Amino acid sequence: MALNWFTELSSGVVTNFSMLESLFNQHFVAARKFGKTSIHLMACKQGEHEGLREYIRRFNAESLEIPNLEDSVAFAALMFGLKPNKFNILNAKVTLFYEAMA
């Protein structure tokens, strides 16, 4: 990929290494902003002294930043991030993210 990009540069554009470095960073690094994915939700864990309400509020805010988030993935991430024995959602027969948010 980088070799193709380099060979397609116009002749004379790169006059020194600093220019090459700058063009490379603009094309491959600096110009890209990566959005959040469902994997980011797995890092959203309930803090040691964080109440359930605060955790769910924070989790919900994080989940809203993820486009096309599947309900089952969000629910799994929510459950994964809970402190042990603090919220027994399984006994409540809740299986979907929107149900847990209700």
C-alpha atoms as a PDB file:
ATOM      1  CA  MET A   1       0.000   0.000   0.000  1.00  0.00           C
ATOM      2  CA  ALA A   2       2.729   2.476   0.962  1.00  0.00           C
ATOM      3  CA  LEU A   3       4.820   1.499  -2.049  1.00  0.00           C
ATOM      4  CA  ASN A   4       1.876   2.162  -4.380  1.00  0.00           C
ATOM      5  CA  TRP A   5       1.295   5.539  -2.741  1.00  0.00           C
ATOM      6  CA  PHE A   6       4.996   6.416  -3.045  1.00  0.00           C
ATOM      7  CA  THR A   7       5.279   5.430  -6.711  1.00  0.00           C
ATOM      8  CA  GLU A   8       2.190   7.490  -7.562  1.00  0.00           C
ATOM      9  CA  LEU A   9       3.651  10.720  -6.125  1.00  0.00           C
ATOM     10  CA  SER A  10       4.336  13.324  -8.766  1.00  0.00           C
ATOM     11  CA  SER A  11       7.951  13.709  -9.761  1.00  0.00           C
ATOM     12  CA  GLY A  12       9.714  16.483  -7.854  1.00  0.00           C
ATOM     13  CA  VAL A  13       7.122  16.702  -5.059  1.00  0.00           C
ATOM     14  CA  VAL A  14       9.453  15.161  -2.502  1.00  0.00           C
ATOM     15  CA  THR A  15      12.566  17.306  -2.144  1.00  0.00           C
ATOM     16  CA  ASN A  16      13.870  15.938   1.158  1.00  0.00           C
ATOM     17  CA  PHE A  17      13.137  13.364   3.835  1.00  0.00           C
ATOM     18  CA  SER A  18      11.138  15.827   5.959  1.00  0.00           C
ATOM     19  CA  MET A  19       8.795  16.420   3.034  1.00  0.00           C
ATOM     20  CA  LEU A  20       8.403  12.671   2.492  1.00  0.00           C
ATOM     21  CA  GLU A  21       7.686  12.165   6.186  1.00  0.00           C
ATOM     22  CA  SER A  22       5.082  14.922   6.192  1.00  0.00           C
ATOM     23  CA  LEU A  23       3.304  13.609   3.079  1.00  0.00           C
ATOM     24  CA  PHE A  24       3.359  10.075   4.456  1.00  0.00           C
ATOM     25  CA  ASN A  25       1.838  11.153   7.777  1.00  0.00           C
ATOM     26  CA  GLN A  26      -0.841  13.210   6.060  1.00  0.00           C
ATOM     27  CA  HIS A  27      -1.851  10.311   3.881  1.00  0.00           C
ATOM     28  CA  PHE A  28      -1.595   7.379   6.282  1.00  0.00           C
ATOM     29  CA  VAL A  29      -1.853   8.725   9.826  1.00  0.00           C
ATOM     30  CA  ALA A  30      -2.890  12.302  10.452  1.00  0.00           C
ATOM     31  CA  ALA A  31      -5.886  12.447   8.146  1.00  0.00           C
ATOM     32  CA  ARG A  32      -7.711   9.531   9.690  1.00  0.00           C
ATOM     33  CA  LYS A  33      -9.975   9.757  12.668  1.00  0.00           C
ATOM     34  CA  PHE A  34     -11.134   6.398  13.867  1.00  0.00           C
ATOM     35  CA  GLY A  35     -14.547   6.179  15.414  1.00  0.00           C
ATOM     36  CA  LYS A  36     -15.471   4.009  18.335  1.00  0.00           C
ATOM     37  CA  THR A  37     -16.537   0.436  17.780  1.00  0.00           C
ATOM     38  CA  SER A  38     -18.326  -2.096  19.917  1.00  0.00           C
ATOM     39  CA  ILE A  39     -14.939  -3.234  21.203  1.00  0.00           C
ATOM     40  CA  HIS A  40     -14.654   0.099  23.025  1.00  0.00           C
ATOM     41  CA  LEU A  41     -17.680  -0.866  25.098  1.00  0.00           C
ATOM     42  CA  MET A  42     -15.845  -3.863  26.500  1.00  0.00           C
ATOM     43  CA  ALA A  43     -13.472  -1.411  28.203  1.00  0.00           C
ATOM     44  CA  CYS A  44     -16.387   0.414  29.841  1.00  0.00           C
ATOM     45  CA  LYS A  45     -16.425  -1.126  33.301  1.00  0.00           C
ATOM     46  CA  GLN A  46     -18.264  -0.150  36.453  1.00  0.00           C
ATOM     47  CA  GLY A  47     -15.867   1.611  38.796  1.00  0.00           C
ATOM     48  CA  GLU A  48     -15.174   0.254  42.260  1.00  0.00           C
ATOM     49  CA  HIS A  49     -17.147   3.051  43.945  1.00  0.00           C
ATOM     50  CA  GLU A  50     -19.491   3.790  41.041  1.00  0.00           C
ATOM     51  CA  GLY A  51     -23.193   3.215  41.537  1.00  0.00           C
ATOM     52  CA  LEU A  52     -25.273   1.253  39.073  1.00  0.00           C
ATOM     53  CA  ARG A  53     -27.168   4.315  37.880  1.00  0.00           C
ATOM     54  CA  GLU A  54     -23.946   6.232  37.162  1.00  0.00           C
ATOM     55  CA  TYR A  55     -22.425   3.246  35.383  1.00  0.00           C
ATOM     56  CA  ILE A  56     -25.461   2.733  33.161  1.00  0.00           C
ATOM     57  CA  ARG A  57     -25.597   6.462  32.379  1.00  0.00           C
ATOM     58  CA  ARG A  58     -21.915   6.429  31.371  1.00  0.00           C
ATOM     59  CA  PHE A  59     -22.298   3.162  29.458  1.00  0.00           C
ATOM     60  CA  ASN A  60     -25.308   4.496  27.582  1.00  0.00           C
ATOM     61  CA  ALA A  61     -23.411   7.659  26.602  1.00  0.00           C
ATOM     62  CA  GLU A  62     -20.564   5.509  25.276  1.00  0.00           C
ATOM     63  CA  SER A  63     -22.951   3.249  23.371  1.00  0.00           C
ATOM     64  CA  LEU A  64     -24.556   6.225  21.624  1.00  0.00           C
ATOM     65  CA  GLU A  65     -21.189   7.040  20.032  1.00  0.00           C
ATOM     66  CA  ILE A  66     -21.058   3.698  18.232  1.00  0.00           C
ATOM     67  CA  PRO A  67     -22.828   3.557  14.879  1.00  0.00           C
ATOM     68  CA  ASN A  68     -24.950   0.497  14.059  1.00  0.00           C
ATOM     69  CA  LEU A  69     -24.437  -1.041  17.484  1.00  0.00           C
ATOM     70  CA  GLU A  70     -26.232  -4.358  17.747  1.00  0.00           C
ATOM     71  CA  ASP A  71     -28.431  -4.734  20.789  1.00  0.00           C
ATOM     72  CA  SER A  72     -27.016  -8.123  21.717  1.00  0.00           C
ATOM     73  CA  VAL A  73     -23.434  -6.802  21.590  1.00  0.00           C
ATOM     74  CA  ALA A  74     -24.334  -3.803  23.746  1.00  0.00           C
ATOM     75  CA  PHE A  75     -26.062  -6.030  26.273  1.00  0.00           C
ATOM     76  CA  ALA A  76     -23.100  -8.405  26.463  1.00  0.00           C
ATOM     77  CA  ALA A  77     -20.720  -5.484  26.990  1.00  0.00           C
ATOM     78  CA  LEU A  78     -22.993  -4.020  29.673  1.00  0.00           C
ATOM     79  CA  MET A  79     -23.029  -7.315  31.553  1.00  0.00           C
ATOM     80  CA  PHE A  80     -19.281  -7.780  31.149  1.00  0.00           C
ATOM     81  CA  GLY A  81     -18.602  -4.375  32.703  1.00  0.00           C
ATOM     82  CA  LEU A  82     -20.701  -4.813  35.837  1.00  0.00           C
ATOM     83  CA  LYS A  83     -19.110  -5.383  39.215  1.00  0.00           C
ATOM     84  CA  PRO A  84     -19.724  -8.929  40.446  1.00  0.00           C
ATOM     85  CA  ASN A  85     -22.941  -9.470  42.435  1.00  0.00           C
ATOM     86  CA  LYS A  86     -24.071  -5.868  42.089  1.00  0.00           C
ATOM     87  CA  PHE A  87     -26.813  -6.271  39.522  1.00  0.00           C
ATOM     88  CA  ASN A  88     -28.408  -9.643  38.953  1.00  0.00           C
ATOM     89  CA  ILE A  89     -30.030  -8.872  35.619  1.00  0.00           C
ATOM     90  CA  LEU A  90     -30.135 -12.538  34.650  1.00  0.00           C
ATOM     91  CA  ASN A  91     -32.734 -13.297  37.316  1.00  0.00           C
ATOM     92  CA  ALA A  92     -34.843 -10.440  35.974  1.00  0.00           C
ATOM     93  CA  LYS A  93     -34.995 -12.253  32.585  1.00  0.00           C
ATOM     94  CA  VAL A  94     -33.668  -9.189  30.789  1.00  0.00           C
ATOM     95  CA  THR A  95     -31.953 -10.181  27.566  1.00  0.00           C
ATOM     96  CA  LEU A  96     -31.767  -7.026  25.487  1.00  0.00           C
ATOM     97  CA  PHE A  97     -29.940  -3.754  25.926  1.00  0.00           C
ATOM     98  CA  TYR A  98     -33.077  -1.585  25.684  1.00  0.00           C
ATOM     99  CA  GLU A  99     -34.724  -3.691  28.395  1.00  0.00           C
ATOM    100  CA  ALA A 100     -31.765  -3.136  30.710  1.00  0.00           C
ATOM    101  CA  MET A 101     -31.947   0.589  30.062  1.00  0.00           C
ATOM    102  CA  ALA A 102     -35.660   0.742  30.970  1.00  0.00           C
END
